[in-house]
Amino acid sequence: MNGRIAAELSAQVEPWSTESEVSDMKFLVAAFWIAVAVGLTDLPVAAQSANSSPDIYLYSRAQAEFDQSVKEVLFPWNDHDSPTDLSPVQANASWLKEHSDIYFYVDGYASTRGDLIYNLALSQRRADYIKQQLIDSGVPENRILLAVGWGQLYPVCPEENDECWSKNRRVRLTYGHQ
């Protein structure tokens, strides 16, 4: 987390009045730092070469298949439980049930509209919602390594307009391991 984001987080704690809101914010910040500590912000991508070990080759082939097969789920503005289209959720669940040896993360994101803390909580609710949809569709919960909301971090489109905001309101599944 860079200094600007840390300063925004600190500044936004002050106006909160209830103990519950402060507790929720502390949990989200702690979850973020745990995710950073375990390396979720920089998942390894195995480079293949003639000298690659078979394990690395299998890992990257499985990850490539995962990345090509699973789809992002987009959300309307300020919403966490009504994706714009449910078909990616159903397609992801079907693919994951067919590939029962793959473990994965559920990553939620938000656009830059709204304040930092609110978007962090909203993206977590989105990740939790999709996690529950996958479980309800028959994907075993133990295969979901972590559901985490990243807020407005890691935008797929950095511009400040409706088209980019809509692309950034998403949940994406990230390959964990086999």
Protein backbone atom coordinates (compact mmCIF):
# COMPACT_ATOMS: atom_id res chain seq x y z
CA MET A 1 0.00 0.00 0.00
CA ASN A 2 1.52 3.32 -0.96
CA GLY A 3 1.63 6.36 1.32
CA ARG A 4 -1.24 8.15 -0.42
CA ILE A 5 -3.66 5.26 0.14
CA ALA A 6 -2.50 4.84 3.75
CA ALA A 7 -3.08 8.58 4.34
CA GLU A 8 -6.58 8.33 2.81
CA LEU A 9 -7.40 5.37 5.03
CA SER A 10 -6.22 7.23 8.13
CA ALA A 11 -8.11 10.39 7.20
CA GLN A 12 -11.34 8.47 6.62
CA VAL A 13 -11.30 6.71 9.98
CA GLU A 14 -11.78 9.97 11.90
CA PRO A 15 -15.32 10.86 10.72
CA TRP A 16 -16.69 7.41 11.54
CA SER A 17 -18.82 7.55 14.60
CA THR A 18 -19.78 4.01 15.52
CA GLU A 19 -17.55 1.40 17.03
CA SER A 20 -18.90 -1.13 14.52
CA GLU A 21 -17.84 0.97 11.52
CA VAL A 22 -14.32 1.42 12.93
CA SER A 23 -14.12 -2.31 13.68
CA ASP A 24 -15.23 -3.17 10.12
CA MET A 25 -12.63 -0.82 8.68
CA LYS A 26 -9.86 -2.29 10.86
CA PHE A 27 -10.85 -5.79 9.72
CA LEU A 28 -10.71 -4.78 6.05
CA VAL A 29 -7.34 -3.11 6.43
CA ALA A 30 -6.00 -6.13 8.32
CA ALA A 31 -7.35 -8.45 5.60
CA PHE A 32 -5.64 -6.33 2.97
CA TRP A 33 -2.28 -6.52 4.76
CA ILE A 34 -2.63 -10.27 5.26
CA ALA A 35 -3.29 -10.64 1.53
CA VAL A 36 -0.18 -8.59 0.79
CA ALA A 37 1.86 -10.64 3.26
CA VAL A 38 0.87 -13.96 1.71
CA GLY A 39 1.61 -12.64 -1.77
CA LEU A 40 -1.86 -12.30 -3.27
CA THR A 41 -0.90 -9.02 -4.88
CA ASP A 42 1.87 -10.66 -6.87
CA LEU A 43 0.91 -14.24 -7.65
CA PRO A 44 3.79 -16.12 -9.28
CA VAL A 45 3.65 -16.72 -13.00
CA ALA A 46 6.01 -19.50 -13.97
CA ALA A 47 8.26 -18.73 -16.90
CA GLN A 48 8.66 -21.66 -19.24
CA SER A 49 11.98 -22.46 -20.80
CA ALA A 50 13.86 -25.50 -21.99
CA ASN A 51 15.23 -25.85 -18.44
CA SER A 52 11.85 -25.63 -16.67
CA SER A 53 11.04 -28.43 -14.28
CA PRO A 54 7.92 -30.53 -15.01
CA ASP A 55 6.20 -29.08 -11.91
CA ILE A 56 6.61 -25.53 -13.18
CA TYR A 57 5.39 -26.54 -16.63
CA LEU A 58 2.28 -28.21 -15.20
CA TYR A 59 1.60 -25.24 -12.97
CA SER A 60 1.73 -22.75 -15.80
CA ARG A 61 -0.29 -24.94 -18.18
CA ALA A 62 -3.02 -25.35 -15.53
CA GLN A 63 -2.95 -21.63 -14.80
CA ALA A 64 -3.18 -20.75 -18.49
CA GLU A 65 -6.21 -23.04 -18.91
CA PHE A 66 -7.82 -21.50 -15.83
CA ASP A 67 -7.20 -17.94 -17.05
CA GLN A 68 -8.67 -18.74 -20.48
CA SER A 69 -11.72 -20.52 -19.08
CA VAL A 70 -13.04 -18.47 -16.17
CA LYS A 71 -14.85 -15.21 -16.80
CA GLU A 72 -15.12 -11.98 -14.85
CA VAL A 73 -18.46 -11.04 -13.34
CA LEU A 74 -19.47 -7.39 -13.73
CA PHE A 75 -21.70 -5.41 -11.37
CA PRO A 76 -23.83 -2.28 -11.65
CA TRP A 77 -22.72 0.80 -9.75
CA ASN A 78 -23.09 0.58 -5.96
CA ASP A 79 -24.35 -3.02 -6.07
CA HIS A 80 -22.95 -6.26 -4.72
CA ASP A 81 -25.68 -8.86 -5.15
CA SER A 82 -27.08 -8.30 -8.66
CA PRO A 83 -24.42 -8.92 -11.32
CA THR A 84 -25.18 -7.41 -14.71
CA ASP A 85 -25.13 -10.97 -16.12
CA LEU A 86 -25.33 -14.24 -14.18
CA SER A 87 -24.12 -16.45 -17.05
CA PRO A 88 -20.40 -16.01 -16.20
CA VAL A 89 -21.11 -17.19 -12.64
CA GLN A 90 -22.87 -20.31 -13.92
CA ALA A 91 -20.18 -20.97 -16.54
CA ASN A 92 -17.43 -20.58 -13.95
CA ALA A 93 -19.20 -22.95 -11.56
CA SER A 94 -19.59 -25.59 -14.29
CA TRP A 95 -15.94 -25.32 -15.33
CA LEU A 96 -14.73 -25.46 -11.73
CA LYS A 97 -16.82 -28.56 -11.00
CA GLU A 98 -15.25 -30.28 -14.03
CA HIS A 99 -11.75 -29.33 -12.81
CA SER A 100 -12.01 -30.44 -9.20
CA ASP A 101 -8.26 -30.34 -8.56
CA ILE A 102 -7.96 -26.55 -8.93
CA TYR A 103 -8.01 -24.14 -6.00
CA PHE A 104 -8.60 -20.44 -6.50
CA TYR A 105 -9.15 -16.97 -5.04
CA VAL A 106 -12.22 -14.76 -5.46
CA ASP A 107 -11.12 -11.14 -5.96
CA GLY A 108 -13.63 -8.30 -5.78
CA TYR A 109 -13.05 -4.82 -7.18
CA ALA A 110 -14.81 -1.46 -7.34
CA SER A 111 -14.55 1.61 -9.54
CA THR A 112 -13.00 4.83 -8.29
CA ARG A 113 -16.42 6.39 -7.78
CA GLY A 114 -17.12 6.71 -4.06
CA ASP A 115 -14.67 6.86 -1.19
CA LEU A 116 -11.83 4.45 -0.62
CA ILE A 117 -13.15 2.69 2.49
CA TYR A 118 -16.67 2.29 1.10
CA ASN A 119 -15.30 0.78 -2.12
CA LEU A 120 -13.09 -1.60 -0.16
CA ALA A 121 -16.14 -2.88 1.76
CA LEU A 122 -18.27 -3.00 -1.41
CA SER A 123 -15.67 -5.04 -3.27
CA GLN A 124 -15.49 -7.46 -0.32
CA ARG A 125 -19.27 -7.90 -0.41
CA ARG A 126 -19.03 -8.60 -4.16
CA ALA A 127 -16.33 -11.23 -3.60
CA ASP A 128 -18.34 -12.84 -0.79
CA TYR A 129 -21.49 -12.87 -2.94
CA ILE A 130 -19.76 -14.65 -5.85
CA LYS A 131 -18.09 -17.07 -3.44
CA GLN A 132 -21.51 -18.00 -2.05
CA GLN A 133 -22.99 -18.33 -5.56
CA LEU A 134 -20.20 -20.75 -6.50
CA ILE A 135 -20.75 -22.77 -3.31
CA ASP A 136 -24.52 -22.83 -3.93
CA SER A 137 -23.77 -24.10 -7.45
CA GLY A 138 -21.84 -27.08 -6.10
CA VAL A 139 -18.23 -25.86 -5.96
CA PRO A 140 -16.75 -27.13 -2.66
CA GLU A 141 -15.96 -24.28 -0.27
CA ASN A 142 -12.55 -25.73 0.61
CA ARG A 143 -11.35 -25.02 -2.95
CA ILE A 144 -11.86 -21.29 -2.45
CA LEU A 145 -8.62 -20.20 -0.81
CA LEU A 146 -9.75 -16.66 0.02
CA ALA A 147 -12.39 -14.14 -1.00
CA VAL A 148 -10.96 -10.64 -0.77
CA GLY A 149 -12.09 -7.18 -1.80
CA TRP A 150 -9.43 -4.95 -3.29
CA GLY A 151 -11.58 -1.83 -3.57
CA GLN A 152 -10.40 0.46 -6.32
CA LEU A 153 -6.90 -1.03 -6.44
CA TYR A 154 -5.81 -2.75 -9.67
CA PRO A 155 -8.22 -1.17 -12.16
CA VAL A 156 -8.41 -2.80 -15.58
CA CYS A 157 -9.18 0.62 -17.03
CA PRO A 158 -7.58 3.67 -15.37
CA GLU A 159 -9.63 6.40 -17.05
CA GLU A 160 -12.34 8.31 -15.20
CA ASN A 161 -15.44 7.70 -17.33
CA ASP A 162 -18.55 5.50 -17.31
CA GLU A 163 -17.06 2.86 -19.62
CA CYS A 164 -13.99 2.36 -17.45
CA TRP A 165 -15.90 2.50 -14.19
CA SER A 166 -18.20 -0.28 -15.45
CA LYS A 167 -15.18 -2.47 -16.37
CA ASN A 168 -13.67 -1.99 -12.90
CA ARG A 169 -16.80 -3.05 -10.97
CA ARG A 170 -16.02 -6.75 -11.13
CA VAL A 171 -15.20 -10.02 -9.45
CA ARG A 172 -12.50 -12.17 -10.94
CA LEU A 173 -11.32 -15.62 -10.02
CA THR A 174 -7.56 -16.03 -9.68
CA TYR A 175 -5.73 -19.32 -10.00
CA GLY A 176 -4.37 -20.65 -6.72
CA HIS A 177 -2.85 -24.10 -7.32
CA GLN A 178 -3.62 -27.71 -8.16
